[in-house]
Amino acid sequence: MSTNSVEAPDIKPGEKIKGPASYFPSITEKYGEPIQHWLNIAADEIVKGKRHSEVVAMLKEDHGMGHGHANAIVGYVRAKLEA
């Protein structure tokens, strides 16, 4: 697990979610990894000083993630780290 971890939200089945986390169920389903996996990757890169767009690009290029999904992951992590 990442030392820069941002904890994944506990989303209940059928729960109405707003914001970037609303993408999390489909991200888990599409890419076959728990959302915590993606949050850890993004958090590690952000803590290293990478910009939002750089982390989005890395998720797209290195992991085949779509732009909306990558942007949701990075946006969620940045908001939690800045809180």
PDB file of N, CA and C in Angstrom:
ATOM      1  N   MET A   1       0.846  -1.193   0.000  1.00  0.00           N
ATOM      2  CA  MET A   1       0.000   0.000   0.000  1.00  0.00           C
ATOM      3  C   MET A   1       0.884   1.246   0.000  1.00  0.00           C
ATOM      4  N   SER A   2       0.396   2.247  -0.597  1.00  0.00           N
ATOM      5  CA  SER A   2       1.105   3.515  -0.711  1.00  0.00           C
ATOM      6  C   SER A   2       1.268   4.184   0.646  1.00  0.00           C
ATOM      7  N   THR A   3       2.396   4.827   0.840  1.00  0.00           N
ATOM      8  CA  THR A   3       2.589   5.602   2.064  1.00  0.00           C
ATOM      9  C   THR A   3       1.863   6.940   1.977  1.00  0.00           C
ATOM     10  N   ASN A   4       1.432   7.310   0.772  1.00  0.00           N
ATOM     11  CA  ASN A   4       0.727   8.574   0.540  1.00  0.00           C
ATOM     12  C   ASN A   4      -0.760   8.318   0.316  1.00  0.00           C
ATOM     13  N   SER A   5      -1.287   7.328   0.976  1.00  0.00           N
ATOM     14  CA  SER A   5      -2.620   6.840   0.692  1.00  0.00           C
ATOM     15  C   SER A   5      -3.722   7.864   0.988  1.00  0.00           C
ATOM     16  N   VAL A   6      -4.651   7.896   0.076  1.00  0.00           N
ATOM     17  CA  VAL A   6      -5.912   8.600   0.256  1.00  0.00           C
ATOM     18  C   VAL A   6      -6.940   7.486   0.334  1.00  0.00           C
ATOM     19  N   GLU A   7      -7.677   7.434   1.418  1.00  0.00           N
ATOM     20  CA  GLU A   7      -8.602   6.334   1.635  1.00  0.00           C
ATOM     21  C   GLU A   7      -9.788   6.396   0.673  1.00  0.00           C
ATOM     22  N   ALA A   8     -10.084   5.251   0.075  1.00  0.00           N
ATOM     23  CA  ALA A   8     -11.234   5.139  -0.823  1.00  0.00           C
ATOM     24  C   ALA A   8     -12.521   5.298  -0.014  1.00  0.00           C
ATOM     25  N   PRO A   9     -13.518   5.945  -0.603  1.00  0.00           N
ATOM     26  CA  PRO A   9     -14.787   6.085   0.106  1.00  0.00           C
ATOM     27  C   PRO A   9     -15.512   4.743   0.179  1.00  0.00           C
ATOM     28  N   ASP A  10     -16.303   4.572   1.210  1.00  0.00           N
ATOM     29  CA  ASP A  10     -17.114   3.366   1.361  1.00  0.00           C
ATOM     30  C   ASP A  10     -18.450   3.623   0.674  1.00  0.00           C
ATOM     31  N   ILE A  11     -18.572   3.124  -0.554  1.00  0.00           N
ATOM     32  CA  ILE A  11     -19.775   3.361  -1.358  1.00  0.00           C
ATOM     33  C   ILE A  11     -20.684   2.144  -1.240  1.00  0.00           C
ATOM     34  N   LYS A  12     -21.861   2.367  -0.749  1.00  0.00           N
ATOM     35  CA  LYS A  12     -22.847   1.299  -0.585  1.00  0.00           C
ATOM     36  C   LYS A  12     -23.578   1.061  -1.909  1.00  0.00           C
ATOM     37  N   PRO A  13     -23.958  -0.194  -2.204  1.00  0.00           N
ATOM     38  CA  PRO A  13     -24.717  -0.471  -3.432  1.00  0.00           C
ATOM     39  C   PRO A  13     -25.986   0.377  -3.500  1.00  0.00           C
ATOM     40  N   GLY A  14     -26.193   0.993  -4.643  1.00  0.00           N
ATOM     41  CA  GLY A  14     -27.375   1.815  -4.855  1.00  0.00           C
ATOM     42  C   GLY A  14     -27.276   3.224  -4.286  1.00  0.00           C
ATOM     43  N   GLU A  15     -26.180   3.532  -3.606  1.00  0.00           N
ATOM     44  CA  GLU A  15     -25.998   4.861  -3.021  1.00  0.00           C
ATOM     45  C   GLU A  15     -25.760   5.892  -4.118  1.00  0.00           C
ATOM     46  N   LYS A  16     -26.417   7.033  -4.013  1.00  0.00           N
ATOM     47  CA  LYS A  16     -26.241   8.120  -4.970  1.00  0.00           C
ATOM     48  C   LYS A  16     -25.005   8.919  -4.573  1.00  0.00           C
ATOM     49  N   ILE A  17     -24.027   8.972  -5.477  1.00  0.00           N
ATOM     50  CA  ILE A  17     -22.750   9.617  -5.196  1.00  0.00           C
ATOM     51  C   ILE A  17     -22.602  10.807  -6.124  1.00  0.00           C
ATOM     52  N   LYS A  18     -22.014  11.877  -5.622  1.00  0.00           N
ATOM     53  CA  LYS A  18     -21.760  13.064  -6.431  1.00  0.00           C
ATOM     54  C   LYS A  18     -20.264  13.282  -6.570  1.00  0.00           C
ATOM     55  N   GLY A  19     -19.883  14.072  -7.559  1.00  0.00           N
ATOM     56  CA  GLY A  19     -18.484  14.438  -7.749  1.00  0.00           C
ATOM     57  C   GLY A  19     -17.660  13.317  -8.352  1.00  0.00           C
ATOM     58  N   PRO A  20     -16.342  13.441  -8.248  1.00  0.00           N
ATOM     59  CA  PRO A  20     -15.450  12.453  -8.860  1.00  0.00           C
ATOM     60  C   PRO A  20     -15.711  11.019  -8.404  1.00  0.00           C
ATOM     61  N   ALA A  21     -16.112  10.840  -7.157  1.00  0.00           N
ATOM     62  CA  ALA A  21     -16.353   9.487  -6.643  1.00  0.00           C
ATOM     63  C   ALA A  21     -17.496   8.783  -7.367  1.00  0.00           C
ATOM     64  N   SER A  22     -18.332   9.532  -8.064  1.00  0.00           N
ATOM     65  CA  SER A  22     -19.426   8.902  -8.803  1.00  0.00           C
ATOM     66  C   SER A  22     -18.903   7.993  -9.919  1.00  0.00           C
ATOM     67  N   TYR A  23     -17.657   8.210 -10.335  1.00  0.00           N
ATOM     68  CA  TYR A  23     -17.041   7.368 -11.360  1.00  0.00           C
ATOM     69  C   TYR A  23     -16.452   6.082 -10.787  1.00  0.00           C
ATOM     70  N   PHE A  24     -16.250   5.999  -9.493  1.00  0.00           N
ATOM     71  CA  PHE A  24     -15.491   4.908  -8.906  1.00  0.00           C
ATOM     72  C   PHE A  24     -16.066   3.516  -9.176  1.00  0.00           C
ATOM     73  N   PRO A  25     -17.375   3.296  -9.067  1.00  0.00           N
ATOM     74  CA  PRO A  25     -17.882   1.951  -9.367  1.00  0.00           C
ATOM     75  C   PRO A  25     -17.569   1.502 -10.804  1.00  0.00           C
ATOM     76  N   SER A  26     -17.715   2.402 -11.762  1.00  0.00           N
ATOM     77  CA  SER A  26     -17.434   2.012 -13.145  1.00  0.00           C
ATOM     78  C   SER A  26     -15.940   1.834 -13.399  1.00  0.00           C
ATOM     79  N   ILE A  27     -15.099   2.597 -12.683  1.00  0.00           N
ATOM     80  CA  ILE A  27     -13.644   2.436 -12.810  1.00  0.00           C
ATOM     81  C   ILE A  27     -13.247   1.052 -12.307  1.00  0.00           C
ATOM     82  N   THR A  28     -13.758   0.670 -11.161  1.00  0.00           N
ATOM     83  CA  THR A  28     -13.459  -0.648 -10.599  1.00  0.00           C
ATOM     84  C   THR A  28     -13.899  -1.745 -11.556  1.00  0.00           C
ATOM     85  N   GLU A  29     -15.090  -1.610 -12.089  1.00  0.00           N
ATOM     86  CA  GLU A  29     -15.627  -2.619 -13.001  1.00  0.00           C
ATOM     87  C   GLU A  29     -14.822  -2.687 -14.301  1.00  0.00           C
ATOM     88  N   LYS A  30     -14.510  -1.552 -14.873  1.00  0.00           N
ATOM     89  CA  LYS A  30     -13.853  -1.523 -16.183  1.00  0.00           C
ATOM     90  C   LYS A  30     -12.393  -1.969 -16.138  1.00  0.00           C
ATOM     91  N   TYR A  31     -11.666  -1.566 -15.098  1.00  0.00           N
ATOM     92  CA  TYR A  31     -10.224  -1.814 -15.079  1.00  0.00           C
ATOM     93  C   TYR A  31      -9.813  -2.967 -14.167  1.00  0.00           C
ATOM     94  N   GLY A  32     -10.770  -3.571 -13.459  1.00  0.00           N
ATOM     95  CA  GLY A  32     -10.518  -4.787 -12.706  1.00  0.00           C
ATOM     96  C   GLY A  32      -9.653  -4.659 -11.460  1.00  0.00           C
ATOM     97  N   GLU A  33      -9.474  -3.444 -10.986  1.00  0.00           N
ATOM     98  CA  GLU A  33      -8.697  -3.209  -9.762  1.00  0.00           C
ATOM     99  C   GLU A  33      -9.578  -2.421  -8.792  1.00  0.00           C
ATOM    100  N   PRO A  34      -9.391  -2.641  -7.496  1.00  0.00           N
ATOM    101  CA  PRO A  34     -10.153  -1.837  -6.537  1.00  0.00           C
ATOM    102  C   PRO A  34      -9.760  -0.363  -6.661  1.00  0.00           C
ATOM    103  N   ILE A  35     -10.656   0.513  -6.320  1.00  0.00           N
ATOM    104  CA  ILE A  35     -10.405   1.943  -6.467  1.00  0.00           C
ATOM    105  C   ILE A  35      -9.194   2.375  -5.645  1.00  0.00           C
ATOM    106  N   GLN A  36      -8.944   1.701  -4.531  1.00  0.00           N
ATOM    107  CA  GLN A  36      -7.786   2.048  -3.707  1.00  0.00           C
ATOM    108  C   GLN A  36      -6.484   1.921  -4.499  1.00  0.00           C
ATOM    109  N   HIS A  37      -6.404   0.958  -5.386  1.00  0.00           N
ATOM    110  CA  HIS A  37      -5.222   0.777  -6.242  1.00  0.00           C
ATOM    111  C   HIS A  37      -4.936   2.050  -7.035  1.00  0.00           C
ATOM    112  N   TRP A  38      -5.965   2.593  -7.671  1.00  0.00           N
ATOM    113  CA  TRP A  38      -5.804   3.784  -8.508  1.00  0.00           C
ATOM    114  C   TRP A  38      -5.533   5.029  -7.670  1.00  0.00           C
ATOM    115  N   LEU A  39      -6.181   5.125  -6.519  1.00  0.00           N
ATOM    116  CA  LEU A  39      -5.937   6.269  -5.634  1.00  0.00           C
ATOM    117  C   LEU A  39      -4.491   6.279  -5.156  1.00  0.00           C
ATOM    118  N   ASN A  40      -3.955   5.111  -4.849  1.00  0.00           N
ATOM    119  CA  ASN A  40      -2.564   5.019  -4.396  1.00  0.00           C
ATOM    120  C   ASN A  40      -1.597   5.461  -5.482  1.00  0.00           C
ATOM    121  N   ILE A  41      -1.833   5.006  -6.710  1.00  0.00           N
ATOM    122  CA  ILE A  41      -0.959   5.393  -7.822  1.00  0.00           C
ATOM    123  C   ILE A  41      -0.974   6.911  -7.994  1.00  0.00           C
ATOM    124  N   ALA A  42      -2.161   7.493  -8.018  1.00  0.00           N
ATOM    125  CA  ALA A  42      -2.276   8.936  -8.214  1.00  0.00           C
ATOM    126  C   ALA A  42      -1.655   9.704  -7.050  1.00  0.00           C
ATOM    127  N   ALA A  43      -1.906   9.268  -5.827  1.00  0.00           N
ATOM    128  CA  ALA A  43      -1.360   9.954  -4.655  1.00  0.00           C
ATOM    129  C   ALA A  43       0.166   9.943  -4.680  1.00  0.00           C
ATOM    130  N   ASP A  44       0.747   8.824  -5.034  1.00  0.00           N
ATOM    131  CA  ASP A  44       2.211   8.740  -5.107  1.00  0.00           C
ATOM    132  C   ASP A  44       2.769   9.763  -6.093  1.00  0.00           C
ATOM    133  N   GLU A  45       2.130   9.892  -7.234  1.00  0.00           N
ATOM    134  CA  GLU A  45       2.610  10.825  -8.257  1.00  0.00           C
ATOM    135  C   GLU A  45       2.412  12.284  -7.840  1.00  0.00           C
ATOM    136  N   ILE A  46       1.285  12.580  -7.231  1.00  0.00           N
ATOM    137  CA  ILE A  46       0.995  13.955  -6.808  1.00  0.00           C
ATOM    138  C   ILE A  46       1.968  14.389  -5.711  1.00  0.00           C
ATOM    139  N   VAL A  47       2.239  13.499  -4.775  1.00  0.00           N
ATOM    140  CA  VAL A  47       3.167  13.819  -3.693  1.00  0.00           C
ATOM    141  C   VAL A  47       4.580  14.045  -4.249  1.00  0.00           C
ATOM    142  N   LYS A  48       4.911  13.417  -5.351  1.00  0.00           N
ATOM    143  CA  LYS A  48       6.211  13.629  -6.001  1.00  0.00           C
ATOM    144  C   LYS A  48       6.284  14.990  -6.693  1.00  0.00           C
ATOM    145  N   GLY A  49       5.152  15.694  -6.749  1.00  0.00           N
ATOM    146  CA  GLY A  49       5.141  17.020  -7.355  1.00  0.00           C
ATOM    147  C   GLY A  49       4.588  17.077  -8.761  1.00  0.00           C
ATOM    148  N   LYS A  50       4.039  15.970  -9.242  1.00  0.00           N
ATOM    149  CA  LYS A  50       3.463  15.968 -10.591  1.00  0.00           C
ATOM    150  C   LYS A  50       2.180  16.803 -10.616  1.00  0.00           C
ATOM    151  N   ARG A  51       1.988  17.506 -11.729  1.00  0.00           N
ATOM    152  CA  ARG A  51       0.776  18.302 -11.920  1.00  0.00           C
ATOM    153  C   ARG A  51      -0.411  17.388 -12.237  1.00  0.00           C
ATOM    154  N   HIS A  52      -1.592  17.923 -12.042  1.00  0.00           N
ATOM    155  CA  HIS A  52      -2.836  17.200 -12.315  1.00  0.00           C
ATOM    156  C   HIS A  52      -2.798  16.583 -13.718  1.00  0.00           C
ATOM    157  N   SER A  53      -2.497  17.401 -14.715  1.00  0.00           N
ATOM    158  CA  SER A  53      -2.511  16.923 -16.105  1.00  0.00           C
ATOM    159  C   SER A  53      -1.466  15.840 -16.354  1.00  0.00           C
ATOM    160  N   GLU A  54      -0.347  15.903 -15.663  1.00  0.00           N
ATOM    161  CA  GLU A  54       0.694  14.878 -15.824  1.00  0.00           C
ATOM    162  C   GLU A  54       0.234  13.530 -15.273  1.00  0.00           C
ATOM    163  N   VAL A  55      -0.453  13.565 -14.153  1.00  0.00           N
ATOM    164  CA  VAL A  55      -0.928  12.315 -13.552  1.00  0.00           C
ATOM    165  C   VAL A  55      -2.057  11.732 -14.397  1.00  0.00           C
ATOM    166  N   VAL A  56      -2.942  12.577 -14.900  1.00  0.00           N
ATOM    167  CA  VAL A  56      -3.998  12.113 -15.801  1.00  0.00           C
ATOM    168  C   VAL A  56      -3.365  11.444 -17.025  1.00  0.00           C
ATOM    169  N   ALA A  57      -2.385  12.097 -17.617  1.00  0.00           N
ATOM    170  CA  ALA A  57      -1.718  11.540 -18.800  1.00  0.00           C
ATOM    171  C   ALA A  57      -1.062  10.202 -18.493  1.00  0.00           C
ATOM    172  N   MET A  58      -0.427  10.078 -17.338  1.00  0.00           N
ATOM    173  CA  MET A  58       0.217   8.829 -16.945  1.00  0.00           C
ATOM    174  C   MET A  58      -0.799   7.703 -16.798  1.00  0.00           C
ATOM    175  N   LEU A  59      -1.933   7.983 -16.158  1.00  0.00           N
ATOM    176  CA  LEU A  59      -2.965   6.956 -16.007  1.00  0.00           C
ATOM    177  C   LEU A  59      -3.500   6.512 -17.374  1.00  0.00           C
ATOM    178  N   LYS A  60      -3.630   7.451 -18.276  1.00  0.00           N
ATOM    179  CA  LYS A  60      -4.110   7.130 -19.625  1.00  0.00           C
ATOM    180  C   LYS A  60      -3.071   6.313 -20.397  1.00  0.00           C
ATOM    181  N   GLU A  61      -1.837   6.777 -20.400  1.00  0.00           N
ATOM    182  CA  GLU A  61      -0.792   6.150 -21.201  1.00  0.00           C
ATOM    183  C   GLU A  61      -0.309   4.824 -20.616  1.00  0.00           C
ATOM    184  N   ASP A  62      -0.061   4.805 -19.322  1.00  0.00           N
ATOM    185  CA  ASP A  62       0.529   3.607 -18.702  1.00  0.00           C
ATOM    186  C   ASP A  62      -0.498   2.555 -18.310  1.00  0.00           C
ATOM    187  N   HIS A  63      -1.745   2.969 -18.106  1.00  0.00           N
ATOM    188  CA  HIS A  63      -2.743   2.039 -17.588  1.00  0.00           C
ATOM    189  C   HIS A  63      -3.982   1.919 -18.485  1.00  0.00           C
ATOM    190  N   GLY A  64      -4.006   2.636 -19.612  1.00  0.00           N
ATOM    191  CA  GLY A  64      -5.119   2.532 -20.551  1.00  0.00           C
ATOM    192  C   GLY A  64      -6.430   3.099 -20.041  1.00  0.00           C
ATOM    193  N   MET A  65      -6.359   3.993 -19.097  1.00  0.00           N
ATOM    194  CA  MET A  65      -7.571   4.566 -18.509  1.00  0.00           C
ATOM    195  C   MET A  65      -8.106   5.672 -19.408  1.00  0.00           C
ATOM    196  N   GLY A  66      -9.413   5.791 -19.483  1.00  0.00           N
ATOM    197  CA  GLY A  66     -10.034   6.867 -20.233  1.00  0.00           C
ATOM    198  C   GLY A  66      -9.831   8.199 -19.525  1.00  0.00           C
ATOM    199  N   HIS A  67      -9.966   9.282 -20.274  1.00  0.00           N
ATOM    200  CA  HIS A  67      -9.704  10.612 -19.722  1.00  0.00           C
ATOM    201  C   HIS A  67     -10.614  10.947 -18.541  1.00  0.00           C
ATOM    202  N   GLY A  68     -11.902  10.707 -18.673  1.00  0.00           N
ATOM    203  CA  GLY A  68     -12.836  11.033 -17.589  1.00  0.00           C
ATOM    204  C   GLY A  68     -12.542  10.264 -16.320  1.00  0.00           C
ATOM    205  N   HIS A  69     -12.234   8.987 -16.471  1.00  0.00           N
ATOM    206  CA  HIS A  69     -11.910   8.171 -15.309  1.00  0.00           C
ATOM    207  C   HIS A  69     -10.614   8.637 -14.653  1.00  0.00           C
ATOM    208  N   ALA A  70      -9.590   8.893 -15.451  1.00  0.00           N
ATOM    209  CA  ALA A  70      -8.308   9.356 -14.917  1.00  0.00           C
ATOM    210  C   ALA A  70      -8.477  10.701 -14.219  1.00  0.00           C
ATOM    211  N   ASN A  71      -9.216  11.593 -14.819  1.00  0.00           N
ATOM    212  CA  ASN A  71      -9.445  12.915 -14.243  1.00  0.00           C
ATOM    213  C   ASN A  71     -10.197  12.813 -12.916  1.00  0.00           C
ATOM    214  N   ALA A  72     -11.158  11.899 -12.822  1.00  0.00           N
ATOM    215  CA  ALA A  72     -11.909  11.706 -11.576  1.00  0.00           C
ATOM    216  C   ALA A  72     -10.985  11.215 -10.459  1.00  0.00           C
ATOM    217  N   ILE A  73     -10.122  10.267 -10.771  1.00  0.00           N
ATOM    218  CA  ILE A  73      -9.179   9.734  -9.776  1.00  0.00           C
ATOM    219  C   ILE A  73      -8.269  10.854  -9.262  1.00  0.00           C
ATOM    220  N   VAL A  74      -7.664  11.578 -10.189  1.00  0.00           N
ATOM    221  CA  VAL A  74      -6.706  12.622  -9.818  1.00  0.00           C
ATOM    222  C   VAL A  74      -7.410  13.752  -9.063  1.00  0.00           C
ATOM    223  N   GLY A  75      -8.578  14.157  -9.528  1.00  0.00           N
ATOM    224  CA  GLY A  75      -9.325  15.212  -8.844  1.00  0.00           C
ATOM    225  C   GLY A  75      -9.685  14.838  -7.416  1.00  0.00           C
ATOM    226  N   TYR A  76     -10.114  13.606  -7.223  1.00  0.00           N
ATOM    227  CA  TYR A  76     -10.475  13.130  -5.891  1.00  0.00           C
ATOM    228  C   TYR A  76      -9.256  13.144  -4.976  1.00  0.00           C
ATOM    229  N   VAL A  77      -8.148  12.600  -5.464  1.00  0.00           N
ATOM    230  CA  VAL A  77      -6.925  12.531  -4.657  1.00  0.00           C
ATOM    231  C   VAL A  77      -6.423  13.927  -4.304  1.00  0.00           C
ATOM    232  N   ARG A  78      -6.380  14.806  -5.271  1.00  0.00           N
ATOM    233  CA  ARG A  78      -5.896  16.170  -5.014  1.00  0.00           C
ATOM    234  C   ARG A  78      -6.757  16.860  -3.957  1.00  0.00           C
ATOM    235  N   ALA A  79      -8.069  16.720  -4.064  1.00  0.00           N
ATOM    236  CA  ALA A  79      -8.964  17.348  -3.099  1.00  0.00           C
ATOM    237  C   ALA A  79      -8.723  16.804  -1.684  1.00  0.00           C
ATOM    238  N   LYS A  80      -8.491  15.516  -1.552  1.00  0.00           N
ATOM    239  CA  LYS A  80      -8.259  14.919  -0.237  1.00  0.00           C
ATOM    240  C   LYS A  80      -6.906  15.312   0.327  1.00  0.00           C
ATOM    241  N   LEU A  81      -5.888  15.376  -0.518  1.00  0.00           N
ATOM    242  CA  LEU A  81      -4.555  15.750  -0.055  1.00  0.00           C
ATOM    243  C   LEU A  81      -4.477  17.225   0.334  1.00  0.00           C
ATOM    244  N   GLU A  82      -5.300  18.067  -0.315  1.00  0.00           N
ATOM    245  CA  GLU A  82      -5.284  19.496  -0.034  1.00  0.00           C
ATOM    246  C   GLU A  82      -6.196  19.874   1.118  1.00  0.00           C
ATOM    247  N   ALA A  83      -7.044  18.947   1.524  1.00  0.00           N
ATOM    248  CA  ALA A  83      -8.015  19.233   2.603  1.00  0.00           C
ATOM    249  C   ALA A  83      -7.342  19.358   3.947  1.00  0.00           C
TER     250      ALA A  83
END
